[in-house]
N, C-alpha and C. Protein backbone atom coordinates (compact mmCIF):
# COMPACT_ATOMS: atom_id res chain seq x y z
N MET A 1 103.26 31.12 158.22
CA MET A 1 102.37 31.01 157.10
C MET A 1 101.91 29.57 157.00
N PRO A 2 100.63 29.32 156.88
CA PRO A 2 100.14 27.96 156.81
C PRO A 2 100.67 27.24 155.57
N GLU A 3 101.07 26.01 155.73
CA GLU A 3 101.58 25.21 154.63
C GLU A 3 100.54 24.18 154.22
N ARG A 4 99.48 24.61 153.58
CA ARG A 4 98.48 23.66 153.13
C ARG A 4 98.22 23.87 151.65
N ASP A 5 98.90 23.08 150.86
CA ASP A 5 98.72 23.15 149.42
C ASP A 5 97.38 22.53 149.06
N LEU A 6 96.65 23.18 148.17
CA LEU A 6 95.39 22.65 147.67
C LEU A 6 95.58 22.25 146.22
N GLY A 7 95.80 20.98 145.98
CA GLY A 7 96.03 20.51 144.61
C GLY A 7 97.48 20.60 144.22
N ASP A 8 97.73 20.17 142.98
CA ASP A 8 99.08 20.18 142.46
C ASP A 8 99.52 21.60 142.13
N PRO A 9 100.78 21.90 142.40
CA PRO A 9 101.27 23.24 142.04
C PRO A 9 101.45 23.37 140.53
N LEU A 10 101.45 24.59 140.06
CA LEU A 10 101.78 24.91 138.68
C LEU A 10 103.28 25.17 138.65
N ILE A 11 104.00 24.46 137.80
CA ILE A 11 105.45 24.61 137.72
C ILE A 11 105.81 24.98 136.29
N LEU A 12 106.59 26.06 136.14
CA LEU A 12 107.01 26.45 134.81
C LEU A 12 108.39 27.08 134.85
N ASP A 13 109.03 27.07 133.70
CA ASP A 13 110.35 27.67 133.55
C ASP A 13 110.22 28.95 132.75
N VAL A 14 110.95 29.97 133.17
CA VAL A 14 111.02 31.22 132.41
C VAL A 14 112.49 31.56 132.19
N VAL A 15 112.74 32.18 131.05
CA VAL A 15 114.10 32.60 130.73
C VAL A 15 114.05 34.10 130.44
N GLY A 16 114.71 34.86 131.28
CA GLY A 16 114.85 36.29 131.05
C GLY A 16 113.74 37.14 131.64
N GLU A 17 114.02 38.43 131.65
CA GLU A 17 113.11 39.42 132.23
C GLU A 17 111.79 39.50 131.47
N VAL A 18 111.84 39.43 130.16
CA VAL A 18 110.62 39.55 129.35
C VAL A 18 109.63 38.44 129.70
N GLU A 19 110.11 37.22 129.84
CA GLU A 19 109.23 36.10 130.19
C GLU A 19 108.69 36.23 131.62
N MET A 20 109.50 36.74 132.54
CA MET A 20 109.04 36.92 133.92
C MET A 20 107.94 37.99 133.96
N VAL A 21 108.13 39.07 133.23
CA VAL A 21 107.11 40.13 133.17
C VAL A 21 105.84 39.57 132.53
N ALA A 22 105.98 38.77 131.49
CA ALA A 22 104.82 38.16 130.83
C ALA A 22 104.07 37.23 131.78
N PHE A 23 104.80 36.46 132.59
CA PHE A 23 104.14 35.61 133.57
C PHE A 23 103.36 36.47 134.57
N GLY A 24 103.97 37.57 135.02
CA GLY A 24 103.27 38.48 135.93
C GLY A 24 101.98 39.01 135.32
N ALA A 25 102.02 39.34 134.03
CA ALA A 25 100.81 39.82 133.34
C ALA A 25 99.76 38.71 133.27
N SER A 26 100.17 37.49 133.00
CA SER A 26 99.22 36.36 132.98
C SER A 26 98.58 36.18 134.36
N LEU A 27 99.39 36.30 135.39
CA LEU A 27 98.87 36.21 136.75
C LEU A 27 97.87 37.33 137.00
N GLY A 28 98.17 38.51 136.49
CA GLY A 28 97.26 39.65 136.62
C GLY A 28 95.90 39.38 136.01
N GLN A 29 95.87 38.64 134.92
CA GLN A 29 94.60 38.28 134.27
C GLN A 29 93.77 37.34 135.12
N ALA A 30 94.44 36.52 135.92
CA ALA A 30 93.76 35.49 136.71
C ALA A 30 93.37 35.95 138.11
N ILE A 31 93.89 37.08 138.55
CA ILE A 31 93.68 37.57 139.92
C ILE A 31 92.23 37.89 140.19
N ARG A 32 91.83 37.64 141.41
CA ARG A 32 90.51 38.00 141.91
C ARG A 32 90.69 39.03 143.02
N PRO A 33 89.63 39.79 143.31
CA PRO A 33 89.74 40.77 144.41
C PRO A 33 90.07 40.08 145.74
N HIS A 34 90.68 40.83 146.60
CA HIS A 34 91.04 40.38 147.95
C HIS A 34 91.86 39.09 147.91
N THR A 35 93.05 39.21 147.36
CA THR A 35 93.96 38.08 147.22
C THR A 35 95.30 38.43 147.85
N THR A 36 95.89 37.48 148.56
CA THR A 36 97.22 37.65 149.12
C THR A 36 98.16 36.65 148.46
N ILE A 37 99.24 37.18 147.89
CA ILE A 37 100.23 36.38 147.18
C ILE A 37 101.59 36.59 147.84
N THR A 38 102.25 35.50 148.18
CA THR A 38 103.61 35.60 148.69
C THR A 38 104.58 35.25 147.58
N LEU A 39 105.71 35.94 147.58
CA LEU A 39 106.76 35.75 146.58
C LEU A 39 108.05 35.40 147.30
N GLU A 40 108.53 34.18 147.06
CA GLU A 40 109.73 33.69 147.72
C GLU A 40 110.83 33.45 146.72
N GLY A 41 112.05 33.70 147.12
CA GLY A 41 113.20 33.45 146.26
C GLY A 41 114.38 34.27 146.74
N ASP A 42 115.56 33.85 146.31
CA ASP A 42 116.79 34.56 146.70
C ASP A 42 116.80 35.97 146.14
N LEU A 43 117.75 36.77 146.61
CA LEU A 43 117.97 38.09 146.03
C LEU A 43 118.21 37.93 144.53
N GLY A 44 117.56 38.76 143.74
CA GLY A 44 117.74 38.71 142.30
C GLY A 44 116.97 37.62 141.59
N ALA A 45 116.09 36.93 142.29
CA ALA A 45 115.34 35.83 141.68
C ALA A 45 114.29 36.32 140.68
N GLY A 46 113.78 37.53 140.87
CA GLY A 46 112.78 38.06 139.94
C GLY A 46 111.44 38.39 140.58
N LYS A 47 111.40 38.48 141.90
CA LYS A 47 110.14 38.75 142.60
C LYS A 47 109.55 40.10 142.20
N THR A 48 110.38 41.12 142.19
CA THR A 48 109.89 42.46 141.83
C THR A 48 109.60 42.55 140.33
N THR A 49 110.36 41.85 139.52
CA THR A 49 110.09 41.82 138.08
C THR A 49 108.74 41.20 137.80
N LEU A 50 108.43 40.10 138.46
CA LEU A 50 107.12 39.47 138.34
C LEU A 50 106.03 40.46 138.78
N SER A 51 106.27 41.13 139.90
CA SER A 51 105.31 42.12 140.42
C SER A 51 105.08 43.24 139.41
N ARG A 52 106.14 43.66 138.74
CA ARG A 52 106.02 44.72 137.74
C ARG A 52 105.10 44.29 136.60
N GLY A 53 105.26 43.06 136.12
CA GLY A 53 104.39 42.56 135.06
C GLY A 53 102.93 42.54 135.49
N LEU A 54 102.68 42.10 136.71
CA LEU A 54 101.32 42.06 137.24
C LEU A 54 100.74 43.47 137.38
N LEU A 55 101.51 44.38 137.98
CA LEU A 55 101.02 45.74 138.21
C LEU A 55 100.79 46.49 136.90
N HIS A 56 101.67 46.30 135.92
CA HIS A 56 101.46 46.96 134.63
C HIS A 56 100.22 46.40 133.95
N TYR A 57 100.01 45.10 134.05
CA TYR A 57 98.79 44.53 133.47
C TYR A 57 97.54 45.14 134.13
N LEU A 58 97.60 45.36 135.43
CA LEU A 58 96.44 45.91 136.15
C LEU A 58 96.26 47.41 135.93
N GLY A 59 97.18 48.04 135.19
CA GLY A 59 96.99 49.43 134.83
C GLY A 59 97.97 50.43 135.39
N HIS A 60 98.93 50.00 136.19
CA HIS A 60 99.93 50.94 136.72
C HIS A 60 100.84 51.40 135.60
N LYS A 61 101.02 52.69 135.51
CA LYS A 61 101.95 53.27 134.54
C LYS A 61 103.20 53.72 135.31
N GLY A 62 104.33 53.45 134.75
CA GLY A 62 105.56 53.91 135.39
C GLY A 62 106.32 52.78 136.05
N PRO A 63 107.40 53.14 136.74
CA PRO A 63 108.28 52.13 137.33
C PRO A 63 107.64 51.44 138.53
N VAL A 64 108.11 50.24 138.78
CA VAL A 64 107.74 49.48 139.97
C VAL A 64 109.05 49.19 140.69
N LYS A 65 109.21 49.82 141.83
CA LYS A 65 110.45 49.62 142.58
C LYS A 65 110.21 48.66 143.73
N SER A 66 111.27 48.02 144.12
CA SER A 66 111.18 47.13 145.28
C SER A 66 110.98 47.98 146.53
N PRO A 67 109.99 47.67 147.35
CA PRO A 67 109.76 48.46 148.57
C PRO A 67 110.65 48.03 149.74
N THR A 68 111.90 47.73 149.45
CA THR A 68 112.82 47.25 150.49
C THR A 68 112.96 48.24 151.64
N TYR A 69 113.02 49.53 151.34
CA TYR A 69 113.23 50.52 152.40
C TYR A 69 111.94 51.11 152.94
N THR A 70 110.89 51.10 152.13
CA THR A 70 109.61 51.66 152.57
C THR A 70 108.71 50.59 153.18
N LEU A 71 109.04 49.33 152.99
CA LEU A 71 108.28 48.15 153.40
C LEU A 71 107.02 47.93 152.57
N VAL A 72 106.35 49.00 152.15
CA VAL A 72 105.14 48.84 151.34
C VAL A 72 105.04 49.98 150.32
N GLU A 73 104.67 49.61 149.11
CA GLU A 73 104.35 50.58 148.06
C GLU A 73 102.88 50.39 147.71
N PRO A 74 102.05 51.40 147.96
CA PRO A 74 100.63 51.28 147.61
C PRO A 74 100.38 51.73 146.17
N TYR A 75 99.46 51.06 145.51
CA TYR A 75 99.03 51.41 144.16
C TYR A 75 97.51 51.48 144.17
N ASN A 76 96.99 52.65 143.86
CA ASN A 76 95.54 52.83 143.78
C ASN A 76 95.17 52.74 142.30
N LEU A 77 94.69 51.57 141.90
CA LEU A 77 94.41 51.30 140.50
C LEU A 77 92.90 51.21 140.27
N GLU A 78 92.50 51.23 139.03
CA GLU A 78 91.08 51.15 138.70
C GLU A 78 90.44 49.88 139.26
N CYS A 79 91.20 48.80 139.31
CA CYS A 79 90.67 47.52 139.83
C CYS A 79 90.64 47.49 141.35
N GLY A 80 91.23 48.48 142.01
CA GLY A 80 91.26 48.53 143.47
C GLY A 80 92.68 48.78 143.98
N ASN A 81 92.83 48.66 145.28
CA ASN A 81 94.14 48.89 145.90
C ASN A 81 95.02 47.66 145.80
N VAL A 82 96.28 47.91 145.49
CA VAL A 82 97.30 46.87 145.47
C VAL A 82 98.41 47.34 146.40
N TYR A 83 98.84 46.46 147.29
CA TYR A 83 99.92 46.76 148.22
C TYR A 83 101.06 45.80 147.96
N HIS A 84 102.23 46.35 147.65
CA HIS A 84 103.42 45.55 147.36
C HIS A 84 104.37 45.69 148.56
N PHE A 85 104.55 44.61 149.27
CA PHE A 85 105.40 44.58 150.47
C PHE A 85 106.73 43.92 150.17
N ASP A 86 107.77 44.38 150.85
CA ASP A 86 109.06 43.70 150.86
C ASP A 86 109.50 43.65 152.32
N LEU A 87 109.48 42.47 152.89
CA LEU A 87 109.77 42.31 154.31
C LEU A 87 111.24 41.95 154.58
N TYR A 88 112.09 42.11 153.59
CA TYR A 88 113.49 41.72 153.71
C TYR A 88 114.17 42.37 154.92
N ARG A 89 113.88 43.62 155.18
CA ARG A 89 114.55 44.35 156.27
C ARG A 89 113.87 44.18 157.63
N VAL A 90 112.79 43.43 157.70
CA VAL A 90 112.09 43.20 158.97
C VAL A 90 112.93 42.25 159.82
N ILE A 91 113.27 42.69 161.01
CA ILE A 91 114.07 41.86 161.92
C ILE A 91 113.16 41.06 162.84
N ASP A 92 112.14 41.71 163.36
CA ASP A 92 111.19 41.08 164.26
C ASP A 92 109.80 41.25 163.65
N PRO A 93 109.05 40.17 163.45
CA PRO A 93 107.72 40.28 162.85
C PRO A 93 106.79 41.27 163.56
N GLU A 94 107.04 41.53 164.83
CA GLU A 94 106.20 42.50 165.56
C GLU A 94 106.32 43.91 164.99
N GLU A 95 107.40 44.17 164.22
CA GLU A 95 107.54 45.46 163.56
C GLU A 95 106.36 45.74 162.63
N LEU A 96 105.74 44.68 162.15
CA LEU A 96 104.63 44.83 161.21
C LEU A 96 103.41 45.49 161.87
N ASP A 97 103.32 45.39 163.19
CA ASP A 97 102.24 46.08 163.90
C ASP A 97 102.34 47.58 163.71
N TYR A 98 103.56 48.11 163.64
CA TYR A 98 103.78 49.55 163.54
C TYR A 98 103.34 50.14 162.21
N ILE A 99 103.33 49.32 161.17
CA ILE A 99 102.87 49.83 159.87
C ILE A 99 101.42 49.45 159.59
N GLY A 100 100.76 48.81 160.55
CA GLY A 100 99.36 48.43 160.36
C GLY A 100 99.19 47.31 159.34
N PHE A 101 100.13 46.37 159.34
CA PHE A 101 100.16 45.29 158.36
C PHE A 101 98.83 44.55 158.28
N SER A 102 98.24 44.22 159.41
CA SER A 102 96.98 43.46 159.41
C SER A 102 95.85 44.26 158.77
N ASP A 103 95.90 45.59 158.85
CA ASP A 103 94.88 46.42 158.20
C ASP A 103 94.96 46.30 156.68
N TYR A 104 96.19 46.26 156.15
CA TYR A 104 96.37 46.08 154.71
C TYR A 104 95.78 44.74 154.26
N LEU A 105 96.04 43.70 155.05
CA LEU A 105 95.57 42.37 154.67
C LEU A 105 94.06 42.22 154.78
N SER A 106 93.44 42.97 155.68
CA SER A 106 91.99 42.84 155.85
C SER A 106 91.23 43.71 154.86
N ASP A 107 91.91 44.68 154.23
CA ASP A 107 91.29 45.52 153.21
C ASP A 107 90.94 44.62 152.01
N ALA A 108 89.92 44.99 151.29
CA ALA A 108 89.56 44.23 150.08
C ALA A 108 90.54 44.62 148.98
N SER A 109 91.75 44.10 149.07
CA SER A 109 92.81 44.52 148.17
C SER A 109 93.64 43.32 147.74
N LEU A 110 94.56 43.59 146.83
CA LEU A 110 95.54 42.61 146.41
C LEU A 110 96.84 42.93 147.14
N CYS A 111 97.41 41.94 147.83
CA CYS A 111 98.68 42.12 148.54
C CYS A 111 99.72 41.19 147.94
N LEU A 112 100.83 41.78 147.53
CA LEU A 112 101.99 41.04 147.05
C LEU A 112 103.06 41.16 148.12
N ILE A 113 103.56 40.04 148.63
CA ILE A 113 104.46 40.08 149.77
C ILE A 113 105.75 39.32 149.47
N GLU A 114 106.83 40.11 149.31
CA GLU A 114 108.15 39.51 149.12
C GLU A 114 108.76 39.22 150.49
N TRP A 115 109.53 38.17 150.58
CA TRP A 115 110.19 37.73 151.81
C TRP A 115 109.16 37.45 152.92
N PRO A 116 108.14 36.66 152.64
CA PRO A 116 107.08 36.42 153.63
C PRO A 116 107.55 35.73 154.90
N GLU A 117 108.65 34.98 154.81
CA GLU A 117 109.14 34.28 156.01
C GLU A 117 109.53 35.26 157.10
N ARG A 118 109.80 36.51 156.76
CA ARG A 118 110.14 37.53 157.75
C ARG A 118 108.90 38.03 158.50
N GLY A 119 107.72 37.69 158.02
CA GLY A 119 106.47 38.09 158.67
C GLY A 119 105.79 36.91 159.33
N SER A 120 106.57 35.96 159.77
CA SER A 120 106.03 34.75 160.40
C SER A 120 105.02 35.10 161.49
N GLY A 121 103.87 34.44 161.42
CA GLY A 121 102.81 34.66 162.40
C GLY A 121 101.82 35.73 161.99
N TYR A 122 102.12 36.48 160.93
CA TYR A 122 101.23 37.55 160.47
C TYR A 122 100.55 37.21 159.15
N LEU A 123 100.93 36.10 158.56
CA LEU A 123 100.39 35.74 157.25
C LEU A 123 99.53 34.47 157.36
N ASN A 124 98.36 34.63 157.88
CA ASN A 124 97.49 33.48 158.08
C ASN A 124 96.50 33.28 156.95
N THR A 125 96.43 34.22 156.02
CA THR A 125 95.44 34.12 154.94
C THR A 125 96.10 34.24 153.57
N VAL A 126 97.07 33.40 153.30
CA VAL A 126 97.75 33.41 152.00
C VAL A 126 96.91 32.61 151.01
N ASP A 127 96.71 33.19 149.83
CA ASP A 127 95.96 32.49 148.77
C ASP A 127 96.89 31.76 147.81
N ILE A 128 97.95 32.45 147.40
CA ILE A 128 98.90 31.91 146.43
C ILE A 128 100.31 32.08 146.97
N ARG A 129 101.08 31.02 146.86
CA ARG A 129 102.50 31.06 147.22
C ARG A 129 103.30 30.84 145.93
N ILE A 130 104.18 31.79 145.62
CA ILE A 130 105.02 31.68 144.44
C ILE A 130 106.47 31.58 144.90
N LYS A 131 107.11 30.50 144.50
CA LYS A 131 108.52 30.26 144.83
C LYS A 131 109.30 30.34 143.53
N ILE A 132 110.33 31.17 143.51
CA ILE A 132 111.16 31.35 142.32
C ILE A 132 112.55 30.82 142.62
N ASN A 133 112.97 29.84 141.84
CA ASN A 133 114.29 29.23 142.02
C ASN A 133 115.18 29.56 140.83
N HIS A 134 116.46 29.82 141.09
CA HIS A 134 117.44 30.01 140.02
C HIS A 134 117.66 28.68 139.32
N LYS A 135 117.76 28.72 138.00
CA LYS A 135 118.15 27.56 137.19
C LYS A 135 119.30 27.99 136.30
N ASP A 136 119.91 27.04 135.64
CA ASP A 136 121.07 27.35 134.79
C ASP A 136 120.79 28.49 133.82
N LEU A 137 119.70 28.41 133.09
CA LEU A 137 119.42 29.40 132.05
C LEU A 137 118.22 30.29 132.37
N GLY A 138 117.74 30.29 133.58
CA GLY A 138 116.58 31.11 133.89
C GLY A 138 116.08 30.85 135.28
N ARG A 139 114.76 30.75 135.38
CA ARG A 139 114.12 30.54 136.68
C ARG A 139 113.05 29.45 136.57
N GLN A 140 112.84 28.77 137.67
CA GLN A 140 111.71 27.86 137.80
C GLN A 140 110.73 28.54 138.74
N ILE A 141 109.47 28.62 138.33
CA ILE A 141 108.43 29.22 139.15
C ILE A 141 107.50 28.11 139.60
N ILE A 142 107.25 28.05 140.91
CA ILE A 142 106.32 27.07 141.47
C ILE A 142 105.20 27.86 142.12
N VAL A 143 103.99 27.68 141.61
CA VAL A 143 102.82 28.40 142.10
C VAL A 143 101.91 27.41 142.79
N SER A 144 101.65 27.63 144.08
CA SER A 144 100.79 26.70 144.82
C SER A 144 99.64 27.47 145.47
N ALA A 145 98.51 26.79 145.57
CA ALA A 145 97.30 27.38 146.16
C ALA A 145 97.24 27.02 147.63
N HIS A 146 96.82 28.01 148.44
CA HIS A 146 96.68 27.80 149.88
C HIS A 146 95.29 28.20 150.36
N SER A 147 94.36 28.38 149.41
CA SER A 147 92.97 28.68 149.73
C SER A 147 92.13 28.29 148.51
N THR A 148 90.84 28.26 148.69
CA THR A 148 89.97 27.95 147.53
C THR A 148 90.07 29.08 146.49
N ASN A 149 90.24 30.32 146.94
CA ASN A 149 90.46 31.43 146.03
C ASN A 149 91.73 31.18 145.22
N GLY A 150 92.79 30.78 145.89
CA GLY A 150 94.05 30.49 145.22
C GLY A 150 93.94 29.36 144.22
N LYS A 151 93.19 28.34 144.57
CA LYS A 151 93.00 27.21 143.66
C LYS A 151 92.29 27.66 142.39
N GLY A 152 91.28 28.51 142.54
CA GLY A 152 90.57 29.04 141.38
C GLY A 152 91.48 29.89 140.50
N ILE A 153 92.35 30.67 141.14
CA ILE A 153 93.29 31.52 140.39
C ILE A 153 94.24 30.65 139.58
N ILE A 154 94.76 29.59 140.18
CA ILE A 154 95.68 28.71 139.46
C ILE A 154 94.97 28.02 138.29
N CYS A 155 93.73 27.58 138.47
CA CYS A 155 92.99 26.96 137.38
C CYS A 155 92.83 27.93 136.21
N LEU A 156 92.47 29.17 136.51
CA LEU A 156 92.33 30.19 135.47
C LEU A 156 93.67 30.52 134.84
N LEU A 157 94.71 30.60 135.64
CA LEU A 157 96.06 30.87 135.13
C LEU A 157 96.49 29.79 134.14
N GLN A 158 96.22 28.55 134.45
CA GLN A 158 96.58 27.45 133.54
C GLN A 158 95.85 27.59 132.21
N LYS A 159 94.60 28.01 132.23
CA LYS A 159 93.85 28.21 130.98
C LYS A 159 94.42 29.37 130.19
N ILE A 160 94.77 30.45 130.87
CA ILE A 160 95.33 31.63 130.21
C ILE A 160 96.66 31.30 129.54
N MET A 161 97.46 30.50 130.22
CA MET A 161 98.80 30.19 129.71
C MET A 161 98.78 29.04 128.70
N GLY A 162 97.61 28.42 128.52
CA GLY A 162 97.47 27.35 127.53
C GLY A 162 98.06 26.09 128.00
């Protein structure tokens, strides 16, 4: 995955599931079509919880499960297709060829990708990188832009969050 930050990252602290879901909803307000977002963090950091907030904001009704065993959960929403990936179980990035990973990324869709480091070499068009770190009383979220689309999303996100 290319490591080219565009501008200063957005850094914020969240405490608890409710705040993580709320951040996901705020991100949902700022999203533009055809965006790829990577979600990094240890097990239990809140990647899927953040995804749930975003997906519910975009109109998904019902549970949002981690696609650890299916690798991808598709959501056909009014705003378009959203693909939620979890690459935790990927041993060799070439496995992504078998599920047509590049086709998902080239579709005019929103892609949320947990454990992106497992897809090394397949993620050349990341817009937003979100890193979630454990803190004593919650989580620190670092949001960085890796494209002009991503930079615009972060600017809008900062306005939404005040």
